[in-house]
Amino acid sequence: MSCRIITGERGAGKTTAMLRLFRREGGEGVVSIHDGDCYRLLFLPGMEERLLMSSEPLFPGRIGRWFYDGDAFAEALRRLMSAASSPVLIDEAGALELDGGGFAPAIEALSSAGRDIVLSVRHCYVDSIIRTFHLASASVIEAADYP
């Protein structure tokens, strides 16, 4: 198994780096596209979109100021855990995953199965993500330095 973590602050280019990696290496996964007052989930490789989070109370799940669609996460988990090609890309892992929600079940299952994964993680969560998901051998790369 290999794990790469692309890190940076908000707006540092983590999602852009993930998309560059996908164009270069292929694979399957999900990226979160910030779109004003919402986040859309983009499923790779097909590029289908689904509303994931909104600052408006459209969904019962909540983290910080965001209301999230549990069904969108369930669809993402189903796709991530049945991914046939590598690497498996997951953008973005953070507080929700550290609480066991969001993409946490997929990260656990994929890493336990020895799959090649790429995560995007903000700086403040990197150490906790590595510790929680037993990713001590992960390569940590700044988004700004990602080719």
N, C-alpha and C. Protein backbone atom coordinates (compact mmCIF):
# COMPACT_ATOMS: atom_id res chain seq x y z
N MET A 1 0.84 -1.18 0.00
CA MET A 1 0.00 0.00 0.00
C MET A 1 0.88 1.23 0.00
N SER A 2 0.46 2.22 -0.76
CA SER A 2 1.11 3.52 -0.65
C SER A 2 0.02 4.54 -0.36
N CYS A 3 0.40 5.52 0.40
CA CYS A 3 -0.51 6.61 0.72
C CYS A 3 0.22 7.92 0.51
N ARG A 4 -0.40 8.79 -0.24
CA ARG A 4 0.11 10.15 -0.41
C ARG A 4 -0.91 11.09 0.18
N ILE A 5 -0.41 12.08 0.91
CA ILE A 5 -1.27 13.11 1.47
C ILE A 5 -0.85 14.44 0.87
N ILE A 6 -1.77 15.05 0.16
CA ILE A 6 -1.55 16.39 -0.39
C ILE A 6 -2.12 17.36 0.63
N THR A 7 -1.27 18.28 1.09
CA THR A 7 -1.69 19.16 2.17
C THR A 7 -1.52 20.63 1.82
N GLY A 8 -2.20 21.45 2.57
CA GLY A 8 -2.16 22.90 2.41
C GLY A 8 -3.34 23.50 3.14
N GLU A 9 -3.37 24.78 3.22
CA GLU A 9 -4.50 25.47 3.84
C GLU A 9 -5.65 25.59 2.85
N ARG A 10 -6.76 26.19 3.28
CA ARG A 10 -7.86 26.46 2.36
C ARG A 10 -7.34 27.31 1.21
N GLY A 11 -7.74 26.94 0.00
CA GLY A 11 -7.35 27.72 -1.16
C GLY A 11 -5.93 27.51 -1.64
N ALA A 12 -5.22 26.54 -1.07
CA ALA A 12 -3.81 26.32 -1.42
C ALA A 12 -3.64 25.48 -2.69
N GLY A 13 -4.72 24.91 -3.21
CA GLY A 13 -4.62 24.13 -4.43
C GLY A 13 -4.65 22.62 -4.23
N LYS A 14 -5.17 22.16 -3.09
CA LYS A 14 -5.23 20.71 -2.84
C LYS A 14 -6.10 20.00 -3.88
N THR A 15 -7.27 20.54 -4.14
CA THR A 15 -8.18 19.93 -5.11
C THR A 15 -7.59 19.99 -6.52
N THR A 16 -6.98 21.11 -6.86
CA THR A 16 -6.35 21.26 -8.17
C THR A 16 -5.24 20.22 -8.32
N ALA A 17 -4.45 20.01 -7.28
CA ALA A 17 -3.38 19.00 -7.33
C ALA A 17 -3.98 17.61 -7.49
N MET A 18 -5.09 17.33 -6.81
CA MET A 18 -5.74 16.03 -6.94
C MET A 18 -6.22 15.81 -8.37
N LEU A 19 -6.79 16.83 -8.98
CA LEU A 19 -7.27 16.70 -10.36
C LEU A 19 -6.10 16.52 -11.34
N ARG A 20 -4.98 17.22 -11.10
CA ARG A 20 -3.79 17.02 -11.94
C ARG A 20 -3.30 15.58 -11.83
N LEU A 21 -3.25 15.09 -10.60
CA LEU A 21 -2.82 13.72 -10.38
C LEU A 21 -3.75 12.75 -11.11
N PHE A 22 -5.05 12.98 -11.02
CA PHE A 22 -6.02 12.11 -11.70
C PHE A 22 -5.80 12.12 -13.22
N ARG A 23 -5.58 13.31 -13.78
CA ARG A 23 -5.36 13.40 -15.23
C ARG A 23 -4.08 12.66 -15.65
N ARG A 24 -3.08 12.68 -14.79
CA ARG A 24 -1.80 12.06 -15.10
C ARG A 24 -1.80 10.54 -14.83
N GLU A 25 -2.39 10.12 -13.69
CA GLU A 25 -2.30 8.72 -13.27
C GLU A 25 -3.59 7.93 -13.40
N GLY A 26 -4.70 8.61 -13.57
CA GLY A 26 -5.99 7.91 -13.59
C GLY A 26 -6.43 7.58 -12.19
N GLY A 27 -7.17 6.51 -12.07
CA GLY A 27 -7.69 6.10 -10.77
C GLY A 27 -9.17 6.41 -10.64
N GLU A 28 -9.65 6.31 -9.42
CA GLU A 28 -11.05 6.58 -9.10
C GLU A 28 -11.09 7.36 -7.81
N GLY A 29 -12.22 8.03 -7.57
CA GLY A 29 -12.34 8.73 -6.30
C GLY A 29 -13.34 9.85 -6.33
N VAL A 30 -13.17 10.74 -5.37
CA VAL A 30 -14.06 11.89 -5.22
C VAL A 30 -13.23 13.13 -4.91
N VAL A 31 -13.65 14.24 -5.50
CA VAL A 31 -13.08 15.53 -5.13
C VAL A 31 -14.23 16.46 -4.77
N SER A 32 -13.96 17.36 -3.84
CA SER A 32 -14.96 18.32 -3.36
C SER A 32 -14.67 19.67 -3.99
N ILE A 33 -15.64 20.18 -4.72
CA ILE A 33 -15.50 21.45 -5.41
C ILE A 33 -16.26 22.52 -4.63
N HIS A 34 -15.54 23.53 -4.13
CA HIS A 34 -16.17 24.63 -3.41
C HIS A 34 -16.81 25.56 -4.42
N ASP A 35 -18.08 25.84 -4.22
CA ASP A 35 -18.86 26.63 -5.16
C ASP A 35 -19.70 27.63 -4.39
N GLY A 36 -19.06 28.70 -3.89
CA GLY A 36 -19.79 29.72 -3.13
C GLY A 36 -20.26 29.20 -1.79
N ASP A 37 -21.58 29.05 -1.66
CA ASP A 37 -22.17 28.61 -0.40
C ASP A 37 -22.43 27.11 -0.36
N CYS A 38 -21.72 26.37 -1.19
CA CYS A 38 -21.91 24.92 -1.18
C CYS A 38 -20.63 24.22 -1.64
N TYR A 39 -20.61 22.93 -1.41
CA TYR A 39 -19.58 22.05 -1.93
C TYR A 39 -20.28 20.99 -2.78
N ARG A 40 -19.73 20.74 -3.94
CA ARG A 40 -20.23 19.68 -4.81
C ARG A 40 -19.21 18.55 -4.83
N LEU A 41 -19.71 17.35 -4.84
CA LEU A 41 -18.87 16.18 -4.91
C LEU A 41 -18.76 15.78 -6.38
N LEU A 42 -17.54 15.62 -6.84
CA LEU A 42 -17.28 15.21 -8.22
C LEU A 42 -16.73 13.78 -8.17
N PHE A 43 -17.47 12.86 -8.78
CA PHE A 43 -17.06 11.45 -8.80
C PHE A 43 -16.14 11.22 -9.98
N LEU A 44 -14.98 10.62 -9.71
CA LEU A 44 -14.01 10.31 -10.75
C LEU A 44 -14.05 8.81 -11.02
N PRO A 45 -13.97 8.37 -12.24
CA PRO A 45 -13.57 9.08 -13.43
C PRO A 45 -14.72 9.70 -14.23
N GLY A 46 -15.97 9.40 -13.91
CA GLY A 46 -17.09 9.82 -14.76
C GLY A 46 -17.46 11.28 -14.72
N MET A 47 -16.95 12.01 -13.72
CA MET A 47 -17.19 13.45 -13.56
C MET A 47 -18.65 13.79 -13.23
N GLU A 48 -19.41 12.82 -12.68
CA GLU A 48 -20.76 13.15 -12.23
C GLU A 48 -20.66 14.02 -10.98
N GLU A 49 -21.59 14.95 -10.83
CA GLU A 49 -21.59 15.85 -9.67
C GLU A 49 -22.81 15.60 -8.80
N ARG A 50 -22.62 15.88 -7.51
CA ARG A 50 -23.72 15.79 -6.55
C ARG A 50 -23.47 16.81 -5.45
N LEU A 51 -24.53 17.50 -5.04
CA LEU A 51 -24.41 18.45 -3.94
C LEU A 51 -24.04 17.68 -2.68
N LEU A 52 -23.01 18.14 -1.99
CA LEU A 52 -22.53 17.47 -0.78
C LEU A 52 -22.84 18.27 0.47
N MET A 53 -22.52 19.57 0.44
CA MET A 53 -22.70 20.43 1.61
C MET A 53 -23.24 21.78 1.19
N SER A 54 -23.96 22.39 2.12
CA SER A 54 -24.50 23.72 1.86
C SER A 54 -24.46 24.52 3.16
N SER A 55 -24.30 25.82 3.02
CA SER A 55 -24.40 26.67 4.21
C SER A 55 -25.86 26.89 4.59
N GLU A 56 -26.78 26.55 3.70
CA GLU A 56 -28.22 26.58 3.97
C GLU A 56 -28.62 25.25 4.60
N PRO A 57 -29.61 25.25 5.49
CA PRO A 57 -30.00 24.00 6.18
C PRO A 57 -30.81 23.05 5.28
N LEU A 58 -30.18 22.55 4.22
CA LEU A 58 -30.84 21.64 3.30
C LEU A 58 -30.79 20.20 3.77
N PHE A 59 -29.86 19.88 4.67
CA PHE A 59 -29.64 18.50 5.11
C PHE A 59 -29.55 18.47 6.63
N PRO A 60 -29.85 17.32 7.26
CA PRO A 60 -29.81 17.23 8.72
C PRO A 60 -28.40 17.16 9.31
N GLY A 61 -27.43 16.59 8.58
CA GLY A 61 -26.07 16.47 9.11
C GLY A 61 -25.40 17.84 9.15
N ARG A 62 -24.58 18.04 10.17
CA ARG A 62 -23.93 19.35 10.29
C ARG A 62 -22.52 19.21 10.85
N ILE A 63 -21.63 20.00 10.25
CA ILE A 63 -20.28 20.16 10.78
C ILE A 63 -19.91 21.63 10.60
N GLY A 64 -19.65 22.30 11.71
CA GLY A 64 -19.39 23.74 11.65
C GLY A 64 -20.57 24.46 11.04
N ARG A 65 -20.30 25.31 10.06
CA ARG A 65 -21.39 26.07 9.42
C ARG A 65 -22.03 25.32 8.26
N TRP A 66 -21.55 24.11 7.97
CA TRP A 66 -22.01 23.35 6.81
C TRP A 66 -23.01 22.27 7.18
N PHE A 67 -24.05 22.16 6.37
CA PHE A 67 -25.03 21.09 6.46
C PHE A 67 -24.70 20.10 5.35
N TYR A 68 -24.56 18.82 5.69
CA TYR A 68 -24.11 17.87 4.67
C TYR A 68 -25.15 16.79 4.42
N ASP A 69 -25.09 16.24 3.21
CA ASP A 69 -26.00 15.21 2.74
C ASP A 69 -25.41 13.84 3.04
N GLY A 70 -25.97 13.16 4.02
CA GLY A 70 -25.49 11.83 4.38
C GLY A 70 -25.63 10.84 3.23
N ASP A 71 -26.65 11.01 2.39
CA ASP A 71 -26.83 10.11 1.24
C ASP A 71 -25.71 10.30 0.22
N ALA A 72 -25.23 11.53 0.06
CA ALA A 72 -24.11 11.78 -0.86
C ALA A 72 -22.85 11.09 -0.34
N PHE A 73 -22.62 11.16 0.97
CA PHE A 73 -21.48 10.45 1.55
C PHE A 73 -21.64 8.95 1.38
N ALA A 74 -22.86 8.43 1.56
CA ALA A 74 -23.10 6.99 1.39
C ALA A 74 -22.78 6.55 -0.04
N GLU A 75 -23.21 7.35 -1.02
CA GLU A 75 -22.91 7.03 -2.42
C GLU A 75 -21.40 7.08 -2.66
N ALA A 76 -20.73 8.09 -2.10
CA ALA A 76 -19.28 8.19 -2.25
C ALA A 76 -18.59 6.98 -1.62
N LEU A 77 -19.02 6.57 -0.44
CA LEU A 77 -18.42 5.41 0.23
C LEU A 77 -18.60 4.15 -0.61
N ARG A 78 -19.79 3.96 -1.15
CA ARG A 78 -20.06 2.79 -1.98
C ARG A 78 -19.10 2.75 -3.16
N ARG A 79 -18.95 3.89 -3.82
CA ARG A 79 -18.07 3.96 -5.00
C ARG A 79 -16.60 3.80 -4.62
N LEU A 80 -16.19 4.45 -3.53
CA LEU A 80 -14.80 4.36 -3.12
C LEU A 80 -14.42 2.93 -2.76
N MET A 81 -15.28 2.24 -2.03
CA MET A 81 -14.95 0.90 -1.57
C MET A 81 -15.06 -0.14 -2.68
N SER A 82 -15.71 0.22 -3.79
CA SER A 82 -15.76 -0.72 -4.91
C SER A 82 -14.84 -0.28 -6.05
N ALA A 83 -13.99 0.71 -5.80
CA ALA A 83 -13.07 1.20 -6.83
C ALA A 83 -12.20 0.06 -7.33
N ALA A 84 -12.10 -0.05 -8.65
CA ALA A 84 -11.32 -1.14 -9.24
C ALA A 84 -9.92 -0.70 -9.64
N SER A 85 -9.73 0.60 -9.88
CA SER A 85 -8.41 1.05 -10.33
C SER A 85 -7.73 1.89 -9.26
N SER A 86 -6.44 2.06 -9.43
CA SER A 86 -5.63 2.81 -8.47
C SER A 86 -5.00 4.00 -9.16
N PRO A 87 -4.69 5.03 -8.41
CA PRO A 87 -4.95 5.20 -6.99
C PRO A 87 -6.41 5.56 -6.73
N VAL A 88 -6.80 5.47 -5.46
CA VAL A 88 -8.12 5.93 -5.04
C VAL A 88 -7.92 7.30 -4.39
N LEU A 89 -8.58 8.31 -4.94
CA LEU A 89 -8.41 9.69 -4.50
C LEU A 89 -9.57 10.11 -3.60
N ILE A 90 -9.24 10.73 -2.48
CA ILE A 90 -10.27 11.21 -1.55
C ILE A 90 -9.91 12.63 -1.14
N ASP A 91 -10.75 13.56 -1.56
CA ASP A 91 -10.58 14.99 -1.30
C ASP A 91 -11.82 15.47 -0.57
N GLU A 92 -11.85 15.73 0.64
CA GLU A 92 -10.80 16.06 1.56
C GLU A 92 -11.11 15.36 2.86
N ALA A 93 -10.09 14.93 3.59
CA ALA A 93 -10.27 14.29 4.89
C ALA A 93 -9.96 15.31 5.98
N GLY A 94 -10.82 15.35 6.99
CA GLY A 94 -10.63 16.34 8.06
C GLY A 94 -11.40 15.98 9.31
N ALA A 95 -12.03 16.97 9.91
CA ALA A 95 -12.69 16.81 11.21
C ALA A 95 -13.78 15.74 11.17
N LEU A 96 -14.57 15.72 10.12
CA LEU A 96 -15.65 14.74 10.03
C LEU A 96 -15.10 13.31 10.03
N GLU A 97 -14.02 13.09 9.30
CA GLU A 97 -13.40 11.77 9.24
C GLU A 97 -12.75 11.40 10.57
N LEU A 98 -12.19 12.37 11.25
CA LEU A 98 -11.58 12.10 12.56
C LEU A 98 -12.62 11.71 13.59
N ASP A 99 -13.88 12.10 13.36
CA ASP A 99 -14.99 11.69 14.23
C ASP A 99 -15.64 10.40 13.76
N GLY A 100 -15.06 9.77 12.72
CA GLY A 100 -15.57 8.51 12.22
C GLY A 100 -16.60 8.63 11.12
N GLY A 101 -16.92 9.86 10.71
CA GLY A 101 -17.92 10.07 9.67
C GLY A 101 -17.30 10.35 8.32
N GLY A 102 -18.12 10.89 7.43
CA GLY A 102 -17.64 11.27 6.10
C GLY A 102 -17.00 10.09 5.39
N PHE A 103 -15.76 10.28 4.94
CA PHE A 103 -15.03 9.26 4.18
C PHE A 103 -14.26 8.28 5.06
N ALA A 104 -14.39 8.39 6.38
CA ALA A 104 -13.60 7.55 7.30
C ALA A 104 -13.73 6.05 7.01
N PRO A 105 -14.93 5.50 6.81
CA PRO A 105 -15.00 4.06 6.55
C PRO A 105 -14.23 3.64 5.30
N ALA A 106 -14.23 4.49 4.27
CA ALA A 106 -13.50 4.16 3.05
C ALA A 106 -11.99 4.23 3.28
N ILE A 107 -11.53 5.24 4.00
CA ILE A 107 -10.10 5.36 4.28
C ILE A 107 -9.63 4.13 5.05
N GLU A 108 -10.40 3.73 6.06
CA GLU A 108 -10.05 2.54 6.85
C GLU A 108 -10.03 1.29 5.99
N ALA A 109 -11.08 1.08 5.19
CA ALA A 109 -11.18 -0.14 4.38
C ALA A 109 -10.09 -0.19 3.31
N LEU A 110 -9.86 0.92 2.64
CA LEU A 110 -8.87 0.95 1.57
C LEU A 110 -7.45 0.74 2.10
N SER A 111 -7.15 1.40 3.22
CA SER A 111 -5.81 1.23 3.78
C SER A 111 -5.62 -0.17 4.33
N SER A 112 -6.65 -0.74 4.95
CA SER A 112 -6.56 -2.12 5.46
C SER A 112 -6.38 -3.13 4.33
N ALA A 113 -6.96 -2.81 3.16
CA ALA A 113 -6.86 -3.71 2.01
C ALA A 113 -5.57 -3.50 1.22
N GLY A 114 -4.74 -2.55 1.67
CA GLY A 114 -3.47 -2.32 1.01
C GLY A 114 -3.58 -1.57 -0.32
N ARG A 115 -4.66 -0.82 -0.49
CA ARG A 115 -4.86 -0.07 -1.73
C ARG A 115 -4.02 1.19 -1.75
N ASP A 116 -3.65 1.66 -2.94
CA ASP A 116 -2.95 2.94 -3.09
C ASP A 116 -3.98 4.06 -2.99
N ILE A 117 -3.75 4.95 -2.02
CA ILE A 117 -4.70 6.04 -1.81
C ILE A 117 -3.98 7.38 -1.81
N VAL A 118 -4.72 8.39 -2.21
CA VAL A 118 -4.25 9.77 -2.15
C VAL A 118 -5.33 10.56 -1.42
N LEU A 119 -4.92 11.24 -0.36
CA LEU A 119 -5.84 12.06 0.43
C LEU A 119 -5.41 13.52 0.33
N SER A 120 -6.39 14.41 0.36
CA SER A 120 -6.03 15.81 0.58
C SER A 120 -6.47 16.14 2.00
N VAL A 121 -5.60 16.84 2.72
CA VAL A 121 -5.81 17.10 4.14
C VAL A 121 -5.24 18.48 4.47
N ARG A 122 -6.02 19.30 5.17
CA ARG A 122 -5.47 20.59 5.62
C ARG A 122 -4.38 20.35 6.65
N HIS A 123 -3.44 21.30 6.70
CA HIS A 123 -2.29 21.17 7.63
C HIS A 123 -2.70 20.77 9.04
N CYS A 124 -3.73 21.42 9.56
CA CYS A 124 -4.09 21.21 10.97
C CYS A 124 -4.56 19.79 11.27
N TYR A 125 -4.90 19.02 10.25
CA TYR A 125 -5.41 17.66 10.46
C TYR A 125 -4.42 16.56 10.07
N VAL A 126 -3.32 16.90 9.45
CA VAL A 126 -2.41 15.88 8.90
C VAL A 126 -1.97 14.89 9.98
N ASP A 127 -1.42 15.36 11.07
CA ASP A 127 -0.91 14.45 12.10
C ASP A 127 -2.01 13.55 12.66
N SER A 128 -3.19 14.12 12.89
CA SER A 128 -4.30 13.34 13.43
C SER A 128 -4.81 12.31 12.43
N ILE A 129 -4.86 12.67 11.15
CA ILE A 129 -5.29 11.73 10.11
C ILE A 129 -4.29 10.57 10.03
N ILE A 130 -3.01 10.90 10.04
CA ILE A 130 -1.98 9.85 9.99
C ILE A 130 -2.11 8.91 11.19
N ARG A 131 -2.27 9.47 12.37
CA ARG A 131 -2.37 8.66 13.59
C ARG A 131 -3.67 7.85 13.61
N THR A 132 -4.79 8.47 13.31
CA THR A 132 -6.09 7.81 13.39
C THR A 132 -6.22 6.66 12.41
N PHE A 133 -5.71 6.86 11.19
CA PHE A 133 -5.87 5.85 10.15
C PHE A 133 -4.62 5.00 9.92
N HIS A 134 -3.65 5.11 10.85
CA HIS A 134 -2.43 4.28 10.81
C HIS A 134 -1.70 4.41 9.47
N LEU A 135 -1.41 5.65 9.10
CA LEU A 135 -0.77 5.95 7.82
C LEU A 135 0.64 6.48 8.01
N ALA A 136 1.37 5.91 8.96
CA ALA A 136 2.70 6.41 9.30
C ALA A 136 3.66 6.43 8.11
N SER A 137 3.45 5.57 7.13
CA SER A 137 4.36 5.54 5.98
C SER A 137 3.91 6.48 4.84
N ALA A 138 2.89 7.28 5.10
CA ALA A 138 2.38 8.18 4.06
C ALA A 138 3.42 9.23 3.66
N SER A 139 3.45 9.55 2.38
CA SER A 139 4.25 10.68 1.89
C SER A 139 3.38 11.92 1.99
N VAL A 140 3.89 12.95 2.64
CA VAL A 140 3.15 14.20 2.80
C VAL A 140 3.75 15.23 1.85
N ILE A 141 2.91 15.79 1.00
CA ILE A 141 3.37 16.69 -0.05
C ILE A 141 2.55 17.98 0.01
N GLU A 142 3.23 19.11 0.00
CA GLU A 142 2.52 20.39 -0.04
C GLU A 142 1.85 20.55 -1.40
N ALA A 143 0.62 21.01 -1.40
CA ALA A 143 -0.12 21.21 -2.65
C ALA A 143 0.64 22.14 -3.60
N ALA A 144 1.26 23.17 -3.04
CA ALA A 144 2.00 24.13 -3.87
C ALA A 144 3.21 23.48 -4.53
N ASP A 145 3.72 22.39 -3.97
CA ASP A 145 4.90 21.71 -4.53
C ASP A 145 4.55 20.53 -5.40
N TYR A 146 3.24 20.21 -5.50
CA TYR A 146 2.84 19.02 -6.25
C TYR A 146 2.98 19.29 -7.75
N PRO A 147 3.63 18.40 -8.48
CA PRO A 147 3.87 18.66 -9.92
C PRO A 147 2.59 18.64 -10.75
